[in-house]
Amino acid sequence: GSEDIIAGNVSKYIVLPAAYSGQPKKGHLIFDACFESGNLGRVDHVTEFEYDLFIRPDTCNPRFRVWFNFTVENVKESQ
């Protein structure tokens, strides 16, 4: 199959469970890669403890993804 093109970095992306509305609670993760060398392009929520993370290709060689750099905030202790 064809691979989706990921153009930009995730910027303070808050992952909320399906059908949840309101302010994020502790444990609703906040991903951020909007800084120099950040390369997280997309986050898909699978379960409370599982996420699919899509890393943007390396700048000089789009065939490879040999590093990753992003932050995660709002994590609860058991998570």
PDB file of N, CA and C in Angstrom:
ATOM      1  N   GLY A   1       0.810  -1.185   0.000  1.00  0.00           N
ATOM      2  CA  GLY A   1       0.000   0.000   0.000  1.00  0.00           C
ATOM      3  C   GLY A   1       0.845   1.235   0.000  1.00  0.00           C
ATOM      4  N   SER A   2       0.220   2.360  -0.241  1.00  0.00           N
ATOM      5  CA  SER A   2       0.959   3.624  -0.246  1.00  0.00           C
ATOM      6  C   SER A   2       1.031   4.184   1.166  1.00  0.00           C
ATOM      7  N   GLU A   3       2.121   4.878   1.429  1.00  0.00           N
ATOM      8  CA  GLU A   3       2.352   5.469   2.742  1.00  0.00           C
ATOM      9  C   GLU A   3       1.875   6.913   2.733  1.00  0.00           C
ATOM     10  N   ASP A   4       1.157   7.335   3.800  1.00  0.00           N
ATOM     11  CA  ASP A   4       0.714   8.722   3.899  1.00  0.00           C
ATOM     12  C   ASP A   4       1.924   9.633   4.068  1.00  0.00           C
ATOM     13  N   ILE A   5       1.881  10.792   3.441  1.00  0.00           N
ATOM     14  CA  ILE A   5       2.943  11.766   3.596  1.00  0.00           C
ATOM     15  C   ILE A   5       2.646  12.597   4.833  1.00  0.00           C
ATOM     16  N   ILE A   6       3.634  12.695   5.696  1.00  0.00           N
ATOM     17  CA  ILE A   6       3.502  13.473   6.922  1.00  0.00           C
ATOM     18  C   ILE A   6       4.310  14.745   6.730  1.00  0.00           C
ATOM     19  N   ALA A   7       3.624  15.882   6.669  1.00  0.00           N
ATOM     20  CA  ALA A   7       4.276  17.121   6.270  1.00  0.00           C
ATOM     21  C   ALA A   7       4.901  17.881   7.430  1.00  0.00           C
ATOM     22  N   GLY A   8       4.244  17.986   8.560  1.00  0.00           N
ATOM     23  CA  GLY A   8       4.749  18.830   9.638  1.00  0.00           C
ATOM     24  C   GLY A   8       4.812  18.100  10.958  1.00  0.00           C
ATOM     25  N   ASN A   9       5.282  18.797  11.960  1.00  0.00           N
ATOM     26  CA  ASN A   9       5.401  18.227  13.301  1.00  0.00           C
ATOM     27  C   ASN A   9       4.131  18.398  14.110  1.00  0.00           C
ATOM     28  N   VAL A  10       3.923  17.470  15.012  1.00  0.00           N
ATOM     29  CA  VAL A  10       2.844  17.571  15.989  1.00  0.00           C
ATOM     30  C   VAL A  10       3.179  18.731  16.920  1.00  0.00           C
ATOM     31  N   SER A  11       2.206  19.588  17.207  1.00  0.00           N
ATOM     32  CA  SER A  11       2.426  20.743  18.070  1.00  0.00           C
ATOM     33  C   SER A  11       1.409  20.742  19.203  1.00  0.00           C
ATOM     34  N   LYS A  12       1.877  20.357  20.399  1.00  0.00           N
ATOM     35  CA  LYS A  12       1.021  20.305  21.599  1.00  0.00           C
ATOM     36  C   LYS A  12      -0.295  19.569  21.312  1.00  0.00           C
ATOM     37  N   TYR A  13      -0.175  18.387  20.732  1.00  0.00           N
ATOM     38  CA  TYR A  13      -1.331  17.571  20.361  1.00  0.00           C
ATOM     39  C   TYR A  13      -1.823  16.796  21.579  1.00  0.00           C
ATOM     40  N   ILE A  14      -3.057  17.044  22.006  1.00  0.00           N
ATOM     41  CA  ILE A  14      -3.645  16.382  23.173  1.00  0.00           C
ATOM     42  C   ILE A  14      -4.444  15.179  22.699  1.00  0.00           C
ATOM     43  N   VAL A  15      -4.110  14.011  23.227  1.00  0.00           N
ATOM     44  CA  VAL A  15      -4.793  12.776  22.848  1.00  0.00           C
ATOM     45  C   VAL A  15      -5.916  12.518  23.848  1.00  0.00           C
ATOM     46  N   LEU A  16      -7.159  12.594  23.358  1.00  0.00           N
ATOM     47  CA  LEU A  16      -8.327  12.359  24.207  1.00  0.00           C
ATOM     48  C   LEU A  16      -9.035  11.082  23.757  1.00  0.00           C
ATOM     49  N   PRO A  17      -9.588  10.326  24.695  1.00  0.00           N
ATOM     50  CA  PRO A  17     -10.352   9.124  24.321  1.00  0.00           C
ATOM     51  C   PRO A  17     -11.556   9.494  23.458  1.00  0.00           C
ATOM     52  N   ALA A  18     -11.991   8.549  22.645  1.00  0.00           N
ATOM     53  CA  ALA A  18     -13.177   8.764  21.806  1.00  0.00           C
ATOM     54  C   ALA A  18     -14.372   9.115  22.687  1.00  0.00           C
ATOM     55  N   ALA A  19     -15.207  10.007  22.228  1.00  0.00           N
ATOM     56  CA  ALA A  19     -16.430  10.437  22.910  1.00  0.00           C
ATOM     57  C   ALA A  19     -16.155  11.212  24.198  1.00  0.00           C
ATOM     58  N   TYR A  20     -14.927  11.617  24.464  1.00  0.00           N
ATOM     59  CA  TYR A  20     -14.618  12.426  25.641  1.00  0.00           C
ATOM     60  C   TYR A  20     -14.715  13.891  25.255  1.00  0.00           C
ATOM     61  N   SER A  21     -15.318  14.682  26.124  1.00  0.00           N
ATOM     62  CA  SER A  21     -15.339  16.126  25.911  1.00  0.00           C
ATOM     63  C   SER A  21     -14.974  16.807  27.217  1.00  0.00           C
ATOM     64  N   GLY A  22     -14.416  17.963  27.117  1.00  0.00           N
ATOM     65  CA  GLY A  22     -13.999  18.688  28.299  1.00  0.00           C
ATOM     66  C   GLY A  22     -12.501  18.862  28.342  1.00  0.00           C
ATOM     67  N   GLN A  23     -12.026  19.398  29.452  1.00  0.00           N
ATOM     68  CA  GLN A  23     -10.605  19.647  29.632  1.00  0.00           C
ATOM     69  C   GLN A  23      -9.846  18.325  29.807  1.00  0.00           C
ATOM     70  N   PRO A  24      -8.613  18.272  29.333  1.00  0.00           N
ATOM     71  CA  PRO A  24      -7.806  17.057  29.512  1.00  0.00           C
ATOM     72  C   PRO A  24      -7.555  16.775  30.986  1.00  0.00           C
ATOM     73  N   LYS A  25      -7.609  15.506  31.334  1.00  0.00           N
ATOM     74  CA  LYS A  25      -7.298  15.059  32.695  1.00  0.00           C
ATOM     75  C   LYS A  25      -5.883  14.501  32.719  1.00  0.00           C
ATOM     76  N   LYS A  26      -5.349  14.285  33.916  1.00  0.00           N
ATOM     77  CA  LYS A  26      -4.048  13.637  34.054  1.00  0.00           C
ATOM     78  C   LYS A  26      -4.122  12.284  33.355  1.00  0.00           C
ATOM     79  N   GLY A  27      -3.169  11.985  32.505  1.00  0.00           N
ATOM     80  CA  GLY A  27      -3.177  10.742  31.740  1.00  0.00           C
ATOM     81  C   GLY A  27      -3.589  10.924  30.300  1.00  0.00           C
ATOM     82  N   HIS A  28      -4.209  12.065  29.972  1.00  0.00           N
ATOM     83  CA  HIS A  28      -4.490  12.393  28.579  1.00  0.00           C
ATOM     84  C   HIS A  28      -3.207  13.024  28.037  1.00  0.00           C
ATOM     85  N   LEU A  29      -2.439  12.246  27.313  1.00  0.00           N
ATOM     86  CA  LEU A  29      -1.097  12.650  26.919  1.00  0.00           C
ATOM     87  C   LEU A  29      -1.092  13.830  25.959  1.00  0.00           C
ATOM     88  N   ILE A  30      -0.050  14.633  26.089  1.00  0.00           N
ATOM     89  CA  ILE A  30       0.173  15.778  25.220  1.00  0.00           C
ATOM     90  C   ILE A  30       1.519  15.564  24.532  1.00  0.00           C
ATOM     91  N   PHE A  31       1.488  15.379  23.224  1.00  0.00           N
ATOM     92  CA  PHE A  31       2.693  15.161  22.430  1.00  0.00           C
ATOM     93  C   PHE A  31       3.097  16.471  21.774  1.00  0.00           C
ATOM     94  N   ASP A  32       4.408  16.716  21.703  1.00  0.00           N
ATOM     95  CA  ASP A  32       4.897  17.933  21.066  1.00  0.00           C
ATOM     96  C   ASP A  32       6.222  17.659  20.367  1.00  0.00           C
ATOM     97  N   ALA A  33       6.342  18.112  19.141  1.00  0.00           N
ATOM     98  CA  ALA A  33       7.603  18.017  18.392  1.00  0.00           C
ATOM     99  C   ALA A  33       7.853  19.293  17.621  1.00  0.00           C
ATOM    100  N   CYS A  34       7.234  20.376  18.062  1.00  0.00           N
ATOM    101  CA  CYS A  34       7.363  21.646  17.360  1.00  0.00           C
ATOM    102  C   CYS A  34       8.571  22.416  17.915  1.00  0.00           C
ATOM    103  N   PHE A  35       9.750  21.869  17.642  1.00  0.00           N
ATOM    104  CA  PHE A  35      10.998  22.492  18.044  1.00  0.00           C
ATOM    105  C   PHE A  35      12.089  21.961  17.115  1.00  0.00           C
ATOM    106  N   GLU A  36      13.254  22.611  17.126  1.00  0.00           N
ATOM    107  CA  GLU A  36      14.333  22.188  16.234  1.00  0.00           C
ATOM    108  C   GLU A  36      14.701  20.731  16.485  1.00  0.00           C
ATOM    109  N   SER A  37      14.742  19.944  15.464  1.00  0.00           N
ATOM    110  CA  SER A  37      15.056  18.512  15.420  1.00  0.00           C
ATOM    111  C   SER A  37      13.882  17.628  15.849  1.00  0.00           C
ATOM    112  N   GLY A  38      12.736  18.212  16.175  1.00  0.00           N
ATOM    113  CA  GLY A  38      11.547  17.398  16.450  1.00  0.00           C
ATOM    114  C   GLY A  38      11.074  16.740  15.169  1.00  0.00           C
ATOM    115  N   ASN A  39      10.577  15.495  15.260  1.00  0.00           N
ATOM    116  CA  ASN A  39      10.172  14.833  14.020  1.00  0.00           C
ATOM    117  C   ASN A  39       8.971  13.903  14.178  1.00  0.00           C
ATOM    118  N   LEU A  40       8.106  14.186  15.127  1.00  0.00           N
ATOM    119  CA  LEU A  40       6.878  13.404  15.282  1.00  0.00           C
ATOM    120  C   LEU A  40       5.801  14.009  14.399  1.00  0.00           C
ATOM    121  N   GLY A  41       5.334  13.236  13.425  1.00  0.00           N
ATOM    122  CA  GLY A  41       4.397  13.757  12.438  1.00  0.00           C
ATOM    123  C   GLY A  41       2.941  13.484  12.740  1.00  0.00           C
ATOM    124  N   ARG A  42       2.640  12.384  13.434  1.00  0.00           N
ATOM    125  CA  ARG A  42       1.238  12.038  13.702  1.00  0.00           C
ATOM    126  C   ARG A  42       1.170  11.090  14.886  1.00  0.00           C
ATOM    127  N   VAL A  43       0.076  11.194  15.651  1.00  0.00           N
ATOM    128  CA  VAL A  43      -0.179  10.310  16.780  1.00  0.00           C
ATOM    129  C   VAL A  43      -1.581   9.750  16.634  1.00  0.00           C
ATOM    130  N   ASP A  44      -1.706   8.431  16.699  1.00  0.00           N
ATOM    131  CA  ASP A  44      -3.010   7.773  16.696  1.00  0.00           C
ATOM    132  C   ASP A  44      -3.214   7.085  18.036  1.00  0.00           C
ATOM    133  N   HIS A  45      -4.338   7.386  18.699  1.00  0.00           N
ATOM    134  CA  HIS A  45      -4.684   6.776  19.983  1.00  0.00           C
ATOM    135  C   HIS A  45      -5.264   5.392  19.728  1.00  0.00           C
ATOM    136  N   VAL A  46      -4.686   4.349  20.330  1.00  0.00           N
ATOM    137  CA  VAL A  46      -5.173   2.983  20.178  1.00  0.00           C
ATOM    138  C   VAL A  46      -5.935   2.581  21.442  1.00  0.00           C
ATOM    139  N   THR A  47      -5.276   2.622  22.593  1.00  0.00           N
ATOM    140  CA  THR A  47      -5.901   2.386  23.899  1.00  0.00           C
ATOM    141  C   THR A  47      -5.272   3.363  24.892  1.00  0.00           C
ATOM    142  N   GLU A  48      -5.684   3.286  26.144  1.00  0.00           N
ATOM    143  CA  GLU A  48      -5.126   4.174  27.168  1.00  0.00           C
ATOM    144  C   GLU A  48      -3.603   4.042  27.254  1.00  0.00           C
ATOM    145  N   PHE A  49      -3.089   2.862  26.972  1.00  0.00           N
ATOM    146  CA  PHE A  49      -1.663   2.605  27.110  1.00  0.00           C
ATOM    147  C   PHE A  49      -0.962   2.339  25.780  1.00  0.00           C
ATOM    148  N   GLU A  50      -1.637   2.549  24.665  1.00  0.00           N
ATOM    149  CA  GLU A  50      -1.039   2.257  23.372  1.00  0.00           C
ATOM    150  C   GLU A  50      -1.342   3.369  22.371  1.00  0.00           C
ATOM    151  N   TYR A  51      -0.289   3.812  21.702  1.00  0.00           N
ATOM    152  CA  TYR A  51      -0.387   4.865  20.701  1.00  0.00           C
ATOM    153  C   TYR A  51       0.450   4.457  19.501  1.00  0.00           C
ATOM    154  N   ASP A  52      -0.001   4.774  18.314  1.00  0.00           N
ATOM    155  CA  ASP A  52       0.811   4.607  17.117  1.00  0.00           C
ATOM    156  C   ASP A  52       1.436   5.963  16.818  1.00  0.00           C
ATOM    157  N   LEU A  53       2.762   5.997  16.770  1.00  0.00           N
ATOM    158  CA  LEU A  53       3.496   7.230  16.523  1.00  0.00           C
ATOM    159  C   LEU A  53       4.131   7.159  15.143  1.00  0.00           C
ATOM    160  N   PHE A  54       3.955   8.191  14.367  1.00  0.00           N
ATOM    161  CA  PHE A  54       4.474   8.239  13.009  1.00  0.00           C
ATOM    162  C   PHE A  54       5.580   9.291  12.953  1.00  0.00           C
ATOM    163  N   ILE A  55       6.790   8.816  12.719  1.00  0.00           N
ATOM    164  CA  ILE A  55       7.969   9.668  12.705  1.00  0.00           C
ATOM    165  C   ILE A  55       8.230  10.141  11.277  1.00  0.00           C
ATOM    166  N   ARG A  56       8.494  11.437  11.123  1.00  0.00           N
ATOM    167  CA  ARG A  56       8.808  11.986   9.807  1.00  0.00           C
ATOM    168  C   ARG A  56      10.162  11.478   9.344  1.00  0.00           C
ATOM    169  N   PRO A  57      10.366  11.347   8.047  1.00  0.00           N
ATOM    170  CA  PRO A  57      11.652  10.870   7.521  1.00  0.00           C
ATOM    171  C   PRO A  57      12.793  11.830   7.846  1.00  0.00           C
ATOM    172  N   ASP A  58      14.006  11.283   7.855  1.00  0.00           N
ATOM    173  CA  ASP A  58      15.195  12.097   8.056  1.00  0.00           C
ATOM    174  C   ASP A  58      15.321  13.120   6.923  1.00  0.00           C
ATOM    175  N   THR A  59      15.865  14.274   7.229  1.00  0.00           N
ATOM    176  CA  THR A  59      15.953  15.367   6.271  1.00  0.00           C
ATOM    177  C   THR A  59      16.803  15.010   5.052  1.00  0.00           C
ATOM    178  N   CYS A  60      17.955  14.432   5.276  1.00  0.00           N
ATOM    179  CA  CYS A  60      18.887  14.173   4.169  1.00  0.00           C
ATOM    180  C   CYS A  60      18.611  12.879   3.422  1.00  0.00           C
ATOM    181  N   ASN A  61      17.822  11.995   3.993  1.00  0.00           N
ATOM    182  CA  ASN A  61      17.519  10.739   3.312  1.00  0.00           C
ATOM    183  C   ASN A  61      16.099  10.303   3.672  1.00  0.00           C
ATOM    184  N   PRO A  62      15.112  10.607   2.832  1.00  0.00           N
ATOM    185  CA  PRO A  62      13.710  10.333   3.151  1.00  0.00           C
ATOM    186  C   PRO A  62      13.362   8.843   3.245  1.00  0.00           C
ATOM    187  N   ARG A  63      14.283   7.967   2.890  1.00  0.00           N
ATOM    188  CA  ARG A  63      14.010   6.524   3.000  1.00  0.00           C
ATOM    189  C   ARG A  63      14.214   6.016   4.424  1.00  0.00           C
ATOM    190  N   PHE A  64      14.858   6.807   5.297  1.00  0.00           N
ATOM    191  CA  PHE A  64      15.223   6.323   6.628  1.00  0.00           C
ATOM    192  C   PHE A  64      14.588   7.151   7.741  1.00  0.00           C
ATOM    193  N   ARG A  65      14.413   6.478   8.863  1.00  0.00           N
ATOM    194  CA  ARG A  65      13.974   7.111  10.114  1.00  0.00           C
ATOM    195  C   ARG A  65      14.840   6.501  11.210  1.00  0.00           C
ATOM    196  N   VAL A  66      16.020   7.084  11.421  1.00  0.00           N
ATOM    197  CA  VAL A  66      16.982   6.472  12.332  1.00  0.00           C
ATOM    198  C   VAL A  66      17.021   7.142  13.699  1.00  0.00           C
ATOM    199  N   TRP A  67      16.192   8.145  13.936  1.00  0.00           N
ATOM    200  CA  TRP A  67      16.138   8.810  15.228  1.00  0.00           C
ATOM    201  C   TRP A  67      14.735   9.355  15.440  1.00  0.00           C
ATOM    202  N   PHE A  68      14.430   9.713  16.668  1.00  0.00           N
ATOM    203  CA  PHE A  68      13.155  10.354  16.975  1.00  0.00           C
ATOM    204  C   PHE A  68      13.381  11.373  18.075  1.00  0.00           C
ATOM    205  N   ASN A  69      12.597  12.442  18.060  1.00  0.00           N
ATOM    206  CA  ASN A  69      12.740  13.488  19.055  1.00  0.00           C
ATOM    207  C   ASN A  69      11.394  14.189  19.230  1.00  0.00           C
ATOM    208  N   PHE A  70      10.785  14.002  20.408  1.00  0.00           N
ATOM    209  CA  PHE A  70       9.522  14.651  20.751  1.00  0.00           C
ATOM    210  C   PHE A  70       9.365  14.596  22.260  1.00  0.00           C
ATOM    211  N   THR A  71       8.405  15.342  22.775  1.00  0.00           N
ATOM    212  CA  THR A  71       8.135  15.314  24.213  1.00  0.00           C
ATOM    213  C   THR A  71       6.743  14.760  24.469  1.00  0.00           C
ATOM    214  N   VAL A  72       6.554  14.235  25.682  1.00  0.00           N
ATOM    215  CA  VAL A  72       5.249  13.757  26.135  1.00  0.00           C
ATOM    216  C   VAL A  72       5.011  14.353  27.522  1.00  0.00           C
ATOM    217  N   GLU A  73       3.864  14.989  27.695  1.00  0.00           N
ATOM    218  CA  GLU A  73       3.512  15.625  28.972  1.00  0.00           C
ATOM    219  C   GLU A  73       2.195  15.045  29.486  1.00  0.00           C
ATOM    220  N   ASN A  74       1.882  15.367  30.733  1.00  0.00           N
ATOM    221  CA  ASN A  74       0.609  15.039  31.375  1.00  0.00           C
ATOM    222  C   ASN A  74       0.443  13.546  31.638  1.00  0.00           C
ATOM    223  N   VAL A  75       1.535  12.857  31.870  1.00  0.00           N
ATOM    224  CA  VAL A  75       1.519  11.412  32.121  1.00  0.00           C
ATOM    225  C   VAL A  75       1.151  11.160  33.581  1.00  0.00           C
ATOM    226  N   LYS A  76       0.287  10.179  33.815  1.00  0.00           N
ATOM    227  CA  LYS A  76      -0.009   9.799  35.193  1.00  0.00           C
ATOM    228  C   LYS A  76       0.929   8.669  35.618  1.00  0.00           C
ATOM    229  N   GLU A  77       1.084   8.474  36.904  1.00  0.00           N
ATOM    230  CA  GLU A  77       2.092   7.563  37.446  1.00  0.00           C
ATOM    231  C   GLU A  77       1.994   6.143  36.902  1.00  0.00           C
ATOM    232  N   SER A  78       0.818   5.583  36.824  1.00  0.00           N
ATOM    233  CA  SER A  78       0.664   4.195  36.395  1.00  0.00           C
ATOM    234  C   SER A  78       0.740   4.022  34.880  1.00  0.00           C
ATOM    235  N   GLN A  79       0.843   5.113  34.172  1.00  0.00           N
ATOM    236  CA  GLN A  79       0.805   5.074  32.713  1.00  0.00           C
ATOM    237  C   GLN A  79       2.178   4.801  32.150  1.00  0.00           C
TER     238      GLN A  79
END
